[in-house]
N, C-alpha and C. Protein backbone atom coordinates (compact mmCIF):
# COMPACT_ATOMS: atom_id res chain seq x y z
N MET A 1 0.81 -1.19 0.00
CA MET A 1 0.00 0.00 0.00
C MET A 1 0.85 1.26 0.00
N LYS A 2 2.00 1.23 0.69
CA LYS A 2 2.85 2.41 0.77
C LYS A 2 3.53 2.69 -0.58
N LYS A 3 3.58 1.69 -1.45
CA LYS A 3 4.21 1.88 -2.75
C LYS A 3 3.33 2.70 -3.68
N LEU A 4 2.02 2.69 -3.49
CA LEU A 4 1.10 3.41 -4.37
C LEU A 4 1.36 4.91 -4.36
N PRO A 5 1.47 5.58 -3.17
CA PRO A 5 1.76 7.03 -3.20
C PRO A 5 3.11 7.35 -3.86
N VAL A 6 4.10 6.50 -3.67
CA VAL A 6 5.41 6.72 -4.28
C VAL A 6 5.29 6.60 -5.80
N LEU A 7 4.53 5.61 -6.26
CA LEU A 7 4.32 5.41 -7.69
C LEU A 7 3.57 6.59 -8.29
N LEU A 8 2.54 7.06 -7.60
CA LEU A 8 1.78 8.23 -8.08
C LEU A 8 2.65 9.47 -8.14
N LEU A 9 3.50 9.66 -7.13
CA LEU A 9 4.40 10.80 -7.12
C LEU A 9 5.39 10.73 -8.28
N ALA A 10 5.90 9.54 -8.56
CA ALA A 10 6.84 9.36 -9.67
C ALA A 10 6.16 9.69 -10.99
N CYS A 11 4.92 9.21 -11.17
CA CYS A 11 4.18 9.51 -12.40
C CYS A 11 3.93 11.01 -12.54
N LEU A 12 3.59 11.66 -11.45
CA LEU A 12 3.35 13.10 -11.46
C LEU A 12 4.62 13.86 -11.86
N LEU A 13 5.76 13.46 -11.31
CA LEU A 13 7.02 14.13 -11.64
C LEU A 13 7.41 13.92 -13.10
N ILE A 14 7.17 12.73 -13.62
CA ILE A 14 7.45 12.46 -15.03
C ILE A 14 6.55 13.32 -15.91
N GLY A 15 5.28 13.42 -15.55
CA GLY A 15 4.34 14.26 -16.29
C GLY A 15 4.75 15.72 -16.29
N ILE A 16 5.17 16.21 -15.14
CA ILE A 16 5.61 17.61 -15.04
C ILE A 16 6.86 17.83 -15.88
N ALA A 17 7.78 16.88 -15.82
CA ALA A 17 9.02 17.00 -16.62
C ALA A 17 8.69 17.01 -18.11
N SER A 18 7.74 16.18 -18.53
CA SER A 18 7.35 16.14 -19.95
C SER A 18 6.75 17.46 -20.38
N CYS A 19 5.88 18.02 -19.56
CA CYS A 19 5.28 19.32 -19.89
C CYS A 19 6.33 20.41 -19.95
N ALA A 20 7.26 20.37 -19.02
CA ALA A 20 8.31 21.39 -19.00
C ALA A 20 9.15 21.30 -20.26
N GLU A 21 9.42 20.06 -20.72
CA GLU A 21 10.20 19.88 -21.94
C GLU A 21 9.45 20.46 -23.14
N SER A 22 8.14 20.19 -23.25
CA SER A 22 7.36 20.73 -24.36
C SER A 22 7.34 22.25 -24.32
N GLU A 23 7.15 22.81 -23.15
CA GLU A 23 7.15 24.27 -23.03
C GLU A 23 8.52 24.83 -23.38
N ASP A 24 9.57 24.11 -23.02
CA ASP A 24 10.91 24.55 -23.38
C ASP A 24 11.08 24.51 -24.89
N TYR A 25 10.57 23.47 -25.55
CA TYR A 25 10.62 23.39 -27.01
C TYR A 25 9.90 24.58 -27.63
N TRP A 26 8.79 24.98 -27.05
CA TRP A 26 8.01 26.10 -27.58
C TRP A 26 8.88 27.35 -27.68
N SER A 27 9.62 27.65 -26.63
CA SER A 27 10.47 28.85 -26.67
C SER A 27 11.81 28.57 -27.35
N GLN A 28 12.35 27.37 -27.14
CA GLN A 28 13.64 27.02 -27.74
C GLN A 28 13.59 27.03 -29.27
N TYR A 29 12.48 26.60 -29.83
CA TYR A 29 12.35 26.52 -31.28
C TYR A 29 11.40 27.58 -31.83
N GLU A 30 11.28 28.69 -31.14
CA GLU A 30 10.34 29.75 -31.55
C GLU A 30 10.66 30.29 -32.94
N GLU A 31 11.92 30.58 -33.21
CA GLU A 31 12.29 31.13 -34.51
C GLU A 31 12.02 30.10 -35.62
N TRP A 32 12.38 28.84 -35.37
CA TRP A 32 12.15 27.77 -36.34
C TRP A 32 10.65 27.61 -36.60
N ARG A 33 9.86 27.58 -35.55
CA ARG A 33 8.40 27.44 -35.66
C ARG A 33 7.81 28.59 -36.45
N THR A 34 8.21 29.80 -36.12
CA THR A 34 7.69 30.99 -36.80
C THR A 34 8.05 30.97 -38.28
N THR A 35 9.27 30.61 -38.60
CA THR A 35 9.72 30.55 -39.99
C THR A 35 8.94 29.49 -40.77
N ASN A 36 8.77 28.30 -40.18
CA ASN A 36 8.03 27.23 -40.84
C ASN A 36 6.57 27.61 -41.04
N ASP A 37 5.94 28.16 -40.03
CA ASP A 37 4.53 28.56 -40.13
C ASP A 37 4.35 29.66 -41.18
N ALA A 38 5.26 30.63 -41.21
CA ALA A 38 5.17 31.73 -42.18
C ALA A 38 5.33 31.19 -43.61
N TRP A 39 6.25 30.25 -43.80
CA TRP A 39 6.45 29.67 -45.13
C TRP A 39 5.20 28.91 -45.57
N PHE A 40 4.59 28.17 -44.65
CA PHE A 40 3.36 27.43 -44.97
C PHE A 40 2.26 28.40 -45.41
N ILE A 41 2.06 29.47 -44.69
CA ILE A 41 1.04 30.47 -45.04
C ILE A 41 1.37 31.11 -46.39
N GLU A 42 2.65 31.34 -46.64
CA GLU A 42 3.07 31.91 -47.93
C GLU A 42 2.69 30.96 -49.08
N GLN A 43 2.88 29.66 -48.89
CA GLN A 43 2.53 28.69 -49.92
C GLN A 43 1.02 28.61 -50.12
N LEU A 44 0.27 28.80 -49.06
CA LEU A 44 -1.19 28.80 -49.14
C LEU A 44 -1.67 29.91 -50.08
N GLY A 45 -0.97 31.05 -50.07
CA GLY A 45 -1.36 32.18 -50.92
C GLY A 45 -0.60 32.28 -52.23
N ALA A 46 0.30 31.33 -52.50
CA ALA A 46 1.13 31.40 -53.71
C ALA A 46 0.27 31.29 -54.97
N ARG A 47 0.62 32.09 -55.99
CA ARG A 47 -0.10 32.09 -57.27
C ARG A 47 0.88 31.87 -58.41
N ASP A 48 0.39 31.24 -59.49
CA ASP A 48 1.22 31.05 -60.68
C ASP A 48 1.14 32.31 -61.55
N ASP A 49 1.75 32.27 -62.72
CA ASP A 49 1.80 33.44 -63.62
C ASP A 49 0.42 33.90 -64.08
N GLU A 50 -0.54 32.98 -64.13
CA GLU A 50 -1.91 33.33 -64.54
C GLU A 50 -2.78 33.78 -63.36
N GLY A 51 -2.22 33.79 -62.16
CA GLY A 51 -2.97 34.20 -60.98
C GLY A 51 -3.75 33.09 -60.30
N ASN A 52 -3.53 31.84 -60.74
CA ASN A 52 -4.20 30.70 -60.11
C ASN A 52 -3.42 30.22 -58.90
N PRO A 53 -4.11 29.68 -57.88
CA PRO A 53 -3.37 29.14 -56.73
C PRO A 53 -2.43 28.02 -57.17
N VAL A 54 -1.23 28.01 -56.62
CA VAL A 54 -0.27 26.95 -56.93
C VAL A 54 -0.69 25.66 -56.25
N TYR A 55 -1.17 25.78 -55.02
CA TYR A 55 -1.56 24.61 -54.23
C TYR A 55 -3.06 24.62 -53.97
N THR A 56 -3.62 23.43 -53.86
CA THR A 56 -5.01 23.26 -53.48
C THR A 56 -5.06 22.96 -51.99
N LYS A 57 -5.93 23.63 -51.30
CA LYS A 57 -6.14 23.38 -49.88
C LYS A 57 -7.06 22.15 -49.77
N VAL A 58 -6.55 21.07 -49.21
CA VAL A 58 -7.29 19.82 -49.13
C VAL A 58 -7.73 19.58 -47.69
N VAL A 59 -9.04 19.57 -47.50
CA VAL A 59 -9.66 19.41 -46.18
C VAL A 59 -10.35 18.05 -46.15
N PRO A 60 -10.00 17.18 -45.19
CA PRO A 60 -10.67 15.88 -45.13
C PRO A 60 -12.10 16.02 -44.61
N ASN A 61 -13.00 15.15 -45.07
CA ASN A 61 -14.38 15.24 -44.59
C ASN A 61 -14.52 14.80 -43.14
N TRP A 62 -13.54 14.08 -42.60
CA TRP A 62 -13.61 13.61 -41.22
C TRP A 62 -13.11 14.63 -40.21
N ASP A 63 -12.50 15.74 -40.67
CA ASP A 63 -12.10 16.81 -39.75
C ASP A 63 -11.94 18.11 -40.55
N PRO A 64 -13.02 18.91 -40.63
CA PRO A 64 -12.96 20.13 -41.44
C PRO A 64 -12.08 21.24 -40.86
N SER A 65 -11.46 20.99 -39.70
CA SER A 65 -10.60 22.02 -39.10
C SER A 65 -9.14 21.88 -39.51
N ILE A 66 -8.81 20.84 -40.29
CA ILE A 66 -7.41 20.63 -40.69
C ILE A 66 -7.30 20.60 -42.22
N TYR A 67 -6.09 20.83 -42.71
CA TYR A 67 -5.86 20.75 -44.16
C TYR A 67 -4.38 20.65 -44.48
N VAL A 68 -4.11 20.13 -45.68
CA VAL A 68 -2.77 20.12 -46.25
C VAL A 68 -2.86 20.87 -47.58
N LEU A 69 -1.72 21.18 -48.14
CA LEU A 69 -1.65 21.80 -49.46
C LEU A 69 -1.12 20.77 -50.45
N MET A 70 -1.78 20.67 -51.60
CA MET A 70 -1.37 19.69 -52.61
C MET A 70 -1.27 20.34 -53.98
N LYS A 71 -0.27 19.89 -54.73
CA LYS A 71 -0.11 20.28 -56.13
C LYS A 71 0.21 19.01 -56.91
N TYR A 72 -0.67 18.68 -57.86
CA TYR A 72 -0.47 17.47 -58.65
C TYR A 72 0.52 17.74 -59.78
N TYR A 73 1.37 16.76 -60.03
CA TYR A 73 2.32 16.83 -61.14
C TYR A 73 1.72 16.21 -62.40
N ASN A 74 0.72 15.37 -62.24
CA ASN A 74 0.12 14.68 -63.39
C ASN A 74 -1.25 15.28 -63.70
N ASP A 75 -1.76 14.95 -64.86
CA ASP A 75 -3.11 15.34 -65.26
C ASP A 75 -4.08 14.40 -64.54
N THR A 76 -4.76 14.90 -63.52
CA THR A 76 -5.63 14.05 -62.70
C THR A 76 -6.84 13.52 -63.48
N SER A 77 -7.19 14.17 -64.57
CA SER A 77 -8.34 13.67 -65.35
C SER A 77 -8.02 12.31 -65.99
N LEU A 78 -6.74 12.02 -66.18
CA LEU A 78 -6.35 10.73 -66.76
C LEU A 78 -6.50 9.59 -65.76
N ASN A 79 -6.51 9.91 -64.47
CA ASN A 79 -6.64 8.90 -63.42
C ASN A 79 -8.02 8.90 -62.78
N ARG A 80 -8.95 9.59 -63.39
CA ARG A 80 -10.29 9.76 -62.83
C ARG A 80 -10.93 8.44 -62.41
N ASP A 81 -10.73 7.39 -63.19
CA ASP A 81 -11.36 6.10 -62.90
C ASP A 81 -10.49 5.18 -62.04
N ALA A 82 -9.32 5.64 -61.68
CA ALA A 82 -8.44 4.83 -60.82
C ALA A 82 -8.98 4.82 -59.39
N GLN A 83 -8.48 3.90 -58.61
CA GLN A 83 -8.97 3.75 -57.24
C GLN A 83 -8.22 4.64 -56.26
N SER A 84 -8.93 5.04 -55.19
CA SER A 84 -8.35 5.79 -54.08
C SER A 84 -8.34 4.90 -52.85
N PRO A 85 -7.33 5.05 -52.00
CA PRO A 85 -7.28 4.20 -50.81
C PRO A 85 -8.20 4.72 -49.70
N TYR A 86 -8.55 3.81 -48.81
CA TYR A 86 -9.25 4.13 -47.57
C TYR A 86 -8.20 4.18 -46.47
N GLN A 87 -8.58 4.63 -45.29
CA GLN A 87 -7.62 4.66 -44.18
C GLN A 87 -7.13 3.27 -43.81
N THR A 88 -7.95 2.26 -44.08
CA THR A 88 -7.56 0.88 -43.75
C THR A 88 -6.82 0.19 -44.90
N SER A 89 -6.70 0.86 -46.04
CA SER A 89 -6.01 0.27 -47.20
C SER A 89 -4.50 0.23 -46.99
N THR A 90 -3.89 -0.76 -47.57
CA THR A 90 -2.43 -0.81 -47.66
C THR A 90 -2.07 -0.12 -48.97
N VAL A 91 -1.05 0.74 -48.92
CA VAL A 91 -0.65 1.48 -50.12
C VAL A 91 0.83 1.29 -50.39
N ASP A 92 1.18 1.40 -51.65
CA ASP A 92 2.57 1.44 -52.10
C ASP A 92 2.84 2.85 -52.59
N VAL A 93 3.84 3.48 -51.99
CA VAL A 93 4.15 4.87 -52.30
C VAL A 93 5.65 5.02 -52.51
N ILE A 94 6.03 5.87 -53.46
CA ILE A 94 7.42 6.31 -53.54
C ILE A 94 7.41 7.80 -53.17
N TYR A 95 8.40 8.22 -52.44
CA TYR A 95 8.37 9.59 -51.91
C TYR A 95 9.77 10.13 -51.65
N LYS A 96 9.80 11.44 -51.49
CA LYS A 96 10.98 12.16 -51.03
C LYS A 96 10.48 13.19 -50.03
N GLY A 97 11.02 13.19 -48.82
CA GLY A 97 10.63 14.14 -47.79
C GLY A 97 11.67 15.24 -47.65
N MET A 98 11.18 16.49 -47.55
CA MET A 98 12.07 17.64 -47.45
C MET A 98 11.56 18.62 -46.39
N LEU A 99 12.46 19.47 -45.96
CA LEU A 99 12.07 20.59 -45.11
C LEU A 99 11.59 21.72 -46.02
N TYR A 100 11.05 22.78 -45.42
CA TYR A 100 10.53 23.90 -46.21
C TYR A 100 11.60 24.52 -47.11
N ASN A 101 12.86 24.44 -46.70
CA ASN A 101 13.95 25.06 -47.46
C ASN A 101 14.58 24.12 -48.49
N GLY A 102 13.96 22.95 -48.69
CA GLY A 102 14.45 22.01 -49.69
C GLY A 102 15.43 20.97 -49.18
N THR A 103 15.83 21.05 -47.92
CA THR A 103 16.76 20.07 -47.35
C THR A 103 16.08 18.71 -47.24
N PRO A 104 16.62 17.67 -47.92
CA PRO A 104 15.99 16.36 -47.84
C PRO A 104 16.24 15.70 -46.48
N PHE A 105 15.24 14.96 -45.98
CA PHE A 105 15.43 14.25 -44.72
C PHE A 105 15.11 12.75 -44.84
N ASP A 106 14.40 12.36 -45.88
CA ASP A 106 14.08 10.95 -46.07
C ASP A 106 13.63 10.73 -47.50
N SER A 107 13.82 9.51 -47.99
CA SER A 107 13.39 9.18 -49.34
C SER A 107 13.28 7.67 -49.47
N SER A 108 12.21 7.22 -50.10
CA SER A 108 12.09 5.79 -50.36
C SER A 108 13.16 5.35 -51.35
N TYR A 109 13.68 6.26 -52.13
CA TYR A 109 14.71 5.94 -53.12
C TYR A 109 16.03 5.53 -52.48
N LEU A 110 16.22 5.90 -51.20
CA LEU A 110 17.47 5.57 -50.51
C LEU A 110 17.44 4.16 -49.92
N LYS A 111 16.29 3.52 -49.97
CA LYS A 111 16.14 2.19 -49.39
C LYS A 111 16.35 1.14 -50.49
N THR A 112 16.60 -0.10 -50.08
CA THR A 112 16.87 -1.15 -51.08
C THR A 112 15.66 -1.37 -51.98
N ASP A 113 14.47 -1.30 -51.43
CA ASP A 113 13.25 -1.38 -52.24
C ASP A 113 12.66 0.02 -52.22
N SER A 114 12.57 0.66 -53.37
CA SER A 114 12.17 2.06 -53.40
C SER A 114 10.70 2.29 -53.09
N ILE A 115 9.93 1.22 -52.89
CA ILE A 115 8.51 1.38 -52.58
C ILE A 115 8.31 1.27 -51.07
N TYR A 116 7.61 2.27 -50.54
CA TYR A 116 7.23 2.28 -49.12
C TYR A 116 5.83 1.71 -49.03
N ARG A 117 5.64 0.67 -48.23
CA ARG A 117 4.32 0.04 -48.09
C ARG A 117 3.86 0.19 -46.65
N SER A 118 2.64 0.67 -46.49
CA SER A 118 2.05 0.78 -45.16
C SER A 118 0.55 0.90 -45.28
N GLN A 119 -0.11 0.76 -44.15
CA GLN A 119 -1.53 1.03 -44.10
C GLN A 119 -1.69 2.54 -43.98
N VAL A 120 -2.63 3.12 -44.69
CA VAL A 120 -2.80 4.58 -44.72
C VAL A 120 -2.86 5.15 -43.31
N LYS A 121 -3.66 4.56 -42.44
CA LYS A 121 -3.87 5.11 -41.10
C LYS A 121 -2.64 5.01 -40.19
N GLN A 122 -1.59 4.34 -40.63
CA GLN A 122 -0.38 4.21 -39.81
C GLN A 122 0.63 5.32 -40.08
N ASN A 123 0.24 6.32 -40.85
CA ASN A 123 1.13 7.42 -41.19
C ASN A 123 0.73 8.68 -40.43
N ILE A 124 1.53 9.72 -40.56
CA ILE A 124 1.18 11.00 -39.95
C ILE A 124 -0.11 11.50 -40.59
N LYS A 125 -0.84 12.34 -39.87
CA LYS A 125 -2.15 12.80 -40.35
C LYS A 125 -2.07 13.48 -41.71
N GLY A 126 -1.01 14.23 -41.97
CA GLY A 126 -0.88 14.90 -43.26
C GLY A 126 -0.84 13.92 -44.41
N TRP A 127 -0.17 12.80 -44.23
CA TRP A 127 -0.13 11.76 -45.27
C TRP A 127 -1.51 11.13 -45.43
N ILE A 128 -2.21 10.92 -44.33
CA ILE A 128 -3.55 10.32 -44.40
C ILE A 128 -4.46 11.20 -45.24
N VAL A 129 -4.45 12.49 -44.96
CA VAL A 129 -5.28 13.44 -45.71
C VAL A 129 -4.93 13.37 -47.20
N ALA A 130 -3.64 13.42 -47.52
CA ALA A 130 -3.20 13.42 -48.92
C ALA A 130 -3.53 12.11 -49.63
N LEU A 131 -3.21 11.00 -49.00
CA LEU A 131 -3.42 9.70 -49.65
C LEU A 131 -4.89 9.43 -49.93
N GLU A 132 -5.77 9.86 -49.05
CA GLU A 132 -7.20 9.66 -49.29
C GLU A 132 -7.69 10.43 -50.52
N GLN A 133 -6.99 11.49 -50.89
CA GLN A 133 -7.37 12.30 -52.06
C GLN A 133 -6.78 11.77 -53.35
N MET A 134 -5.70 11.01 -53.23
CA MET A 134 -4.98 10.56 -54.41
C MET A 134 -5.61 9.31 -55.02
N LYS A 135 -5.34 9.13 -56.29
CA LYS A 135 -5.73 7.93 -57.01
C LYS A 135 -4.45 7.24 -57.48
N VAL A 136 -4.54 5.95 -57.69
CA VAL A 136 -3.37 5.20 -58.15
C VAL A 136 -2.82 5.86 -59.41
N GLY A 137 -1.52 6.14 -59.40
CA GLY A 137 -0.86 6.79 -60.53
C GLY A 137 -0.62 8.28 -60.31
N ASP A 138 -1.30 8.88 -59.33
CA ASP A 138 -1.10 10.31 -59.07
C ASP A 138 0.26 10.59 -58.45
N SER A 139 0.86 11.69 -58.89
CA SER A 139 2.10 12.22 -58.31
C SER A 139 1.83 13.64 -57.88
N CYS A 140 2.30 13.99 -56.69
CA CYS A 140 2.02 15.35 -56.22
C CYS A 140 3.05 15.81 -55.20
N ARG A 141 3.00 17.09 -54.94
CA ARG A 141 3.74 17.68 -53.83
C ARG A 141 2.71 17.96 -52.74
N VAL A 142 3.04 17.56 -51.53
CA VAL A 142 2.17 17.77 -50.38
C VAL A 142 2.93 18.58 -49.35
N ILE A 143 2.33 19.66 -48.90
CA ILE A 143 2.92 20.47 -47.84
C ILE A 143 2.07 20.27 -46.60
N ILE A 144 2.73 19.79 -45.54
CA ILE A 144 2.04 19.40 -44.32
C ILE A 144 2.42 20.35 -43.19
N PRO A 145 1.42 21.02 -42.60
CA PRO A 145 1.74 21.90 -41.48
C PRO A 145 2.23 21.06 -40.29
N GLN A 146 3.01 21.67 -39.43
CA GLN A 146 3.61 20.93 -38.32
C GLN A 146 2.58 20.22 -37.45
N THR A 147 1.38 20.76 -37.36
CA THR A 147 0.34 20.14 -36.53
C THR A 147 -0.13 18.80 -37.08
N LEU A 148 0.06 18.56 -38.38
CA LEU A 148 -0.33 17.29 -38.99
C LEU A 148 0.87 16.42 -39.31
N GLY A 149 2.06 16.89 -38.88
CA GLY A 149 3.29 16.13 -39.05
C GLY A 149 3.69 15.55 -37.70
N TYR A 150 4.79 16.06 -37.17
CA TYR A 150 5.28 15.56 -35.89
C TYR A 150 5.08 16.55 -34.75
N GLY A 151 4.48 17.71 -35.05
CA GLY A 151 4.15 18.68 -34.00
C GLY A 151 5.36 19.09 -33.17
N ALA A 152 5.21 18.99 -31.86
CA ALA A 152 6.26 19.43 -30.93
C ALA A 152 7.31 18.36 -30.67
N GLN A 153 7.23 17.23 -31.37
CA GLN A 153 8.20 16.15 -31.15
C GLN A 153 9.53 16.47 -31.82
N TYR A 154 10.59 16.12 -31.14
CA TYR A 154 11.94 16.19 -31.71
C TYR A 154 12.18 14.85 -32.37
N MET A 155 12.25 14.82 -33.70
CA MET A 155 12.41 13.56 -34.42
C MET A 155 13.86 13.26 -34.78
N SER A 156 14.61 14.29 -35.15
CA SER A 156 16.01 14.10 -35.54
C SER A 156 16.68 15.47 -35.59
N SER A 157 17.94 15.46 -35.95
CA SER A 157 18.66 16.74 -36.05
C SER A 157 18.12 17.58 -37.21
N LEU A 158 17.39 16.97 -38.14
CA LEU A 158 16.77 17.71 -39.24
C LEU A 158 15.30 18.03 -38.97
N ILE A 159 14.57 17.05 -38.44
CA ILE A 159 13.14 17.27 -38.17
C ILE A 159 13.00 17.72 -36.71
N LEU A 160 13.11 19.01 -36.56
CA LEU A 160 13.00 19.63 -35.24
C LEU A 160 11.53 19.78 -34.87
N PRO A 161 11.23 20.09 -33.63
CA PRO A 161 9.84 20.37 -33.28
C PRO A 161 9.29 21.51 -34.14
N TYR A 162 8.02 21.40 -34.51
CA TYR A 162 7.28 22.42 -35.26
C TYR A 162 7.74 22.55 -36.71
N THR A 163 8.16 21.45 -37.30
CA THR A 163 8.65 21.46 -38.68
C THR A 163 7.52 21.25 -39.68
N THR A 164 7.45 22.14 -40.67
CA THR A 164 6.57 21.96 -41.82
C THR A 164 7.24 20.93 -42.72
N LEU A 165 6.48 19.95 -43.17
CA LEU A 165 7.03 18.87 -43.99
C LEU A 165 6.57 19.01 -45.44
N VAL A 166 7.48 18.71 -46.36
CA VAL A 166 7.16 18.76 -47.79
C VAL A 166 7.49 17.39 -48.37
N PHE A 167 6.53 16.81 -49.08
CA PHE A 167 6.74 15.49 -49.69
C PHE A 167 6.39 15.54 -51.16
N ASP A 168 7.29 15.00 -51.98
CA ASP A 168 6.95 14.67 -53.36
C ASP A 168 6.64 13.18 -53.30
N MET A 169 5.42 12.82 -53.70
CA MET A 169 5.02 11.43 -53.55
C MET A 169 4.18 10.95 -54.73
N LYS A 170 4.26 9.65 -54.95
CA LYS A 170 3.46 9.01 -56.00
C LYS A 170 2.79 7.78 -55.40
N LEU A 171 1.47 7.69 -55.60
CA LEU A 171 0.72 6.52 -55.17
C LEU A 171 0.86 5.47 -56.26
N VAL A 172 1.67 4.47 -56.01
CA VAL A 172 1.98 3.44 -57.00
C VAL A 172 0.89 2.38 -57.08
N GLY A 173 0.35 2.00 -55.93
CA GLY A 173 -0.66 0.95 -55.94
C GLY A 173 -1.35 0.80 -54.60
N ILE A 174 -2.42 0.00 -54.63
CA ILE A 174 -3.17 -0.34 -53.43
C ILE A 174 -3.28 -1.86 -53.41
N PRO A 175 -2.25 -2.55 -52.92
CA PRO A 175 -2.25 -4.01 -52.94
C PRO A 175 -3.45 -4.58 -52.17
N GLY A 176 -4.09 -5.56 -52.78
CA GLY A 176 -5.19 -6.24 -52.12
C GLY A 176 -6.55 -5.61 -52.33
N LEU A 177 -6.60 -4.42 -52.89
CA LEU A 177 -7.89 -3.78 -53.13
C LEU A 177 -8.49 -4.38 -54.39
N GLU A 178 -9.68 -4.89 -54.26
CA GLU A 178 -10.31 -5.53 -55.41
C GLU A 178 -10.68 -4.49 -56.46
N LYS A 179 -10.50 -4.86 -57.69
CA LYS A 179 -10.86 -3.99 -58.79
C LYS A 179 -12.32 -4.26 -59.17
N PRO A 180 -13.04 -3.22 -59.60
CA PRO A 180 -14.44 -3.45 -59.97
C PRO A 180 -14.56 -4.40 -61.16
N VAL A 181 -15.62 -5.17 -61.17
CA VAL A 181 -15.88 -6.11 -62.27
C VAL A 181 -16.36 -5.33 -63.47
N THR A 182 -15.76 -5.59 -64.61
CA THR A 182 -16.18 -4.93 -65.85
C THR A 182 -16.67 -6.01 -66.81
N GLU A 183 -17.62 -5.65 -67.62
CA GLU A 183 -18.17 -6.62 -68.56
C GLU A 183 -17.55 -6.48 -69.92
């Protein structure tokens, strides 16, 4: 019985230390956060030579308060009849991940098998939003705000807390998804 208060106190101290670390990240990475957020907002308003938005703001139907920015590299009308994955679908994707300034941090091309396979829902929220919009064969650039990436987590010396993520990605396939019967 005497161990319970000690255990509760230990949990409380760990919780306080975790909060203090997050708050420290908030001020420690303030300039980085501000720069990343400003760049994301700049991309949201970016226009091409004809005055059209460069990126499309993509809002998932399951949470209208979040969004990513997407720009397709291919003619999406050609893939109109292709399939889109569900959150429970397994997908094959090739990708390159970069910071807002173009610094690469990850790429499926650097691995022995250049295809990354996972279930859609096992990825960061920004990827989930993007993949649900894509059809097999689509290639696009996706800009993910830090809140839909890794947020306040320190992931590596490149992916600092509050990092905006940029991915060039192609949905190669949806293994196991049945194709509709055609006559």
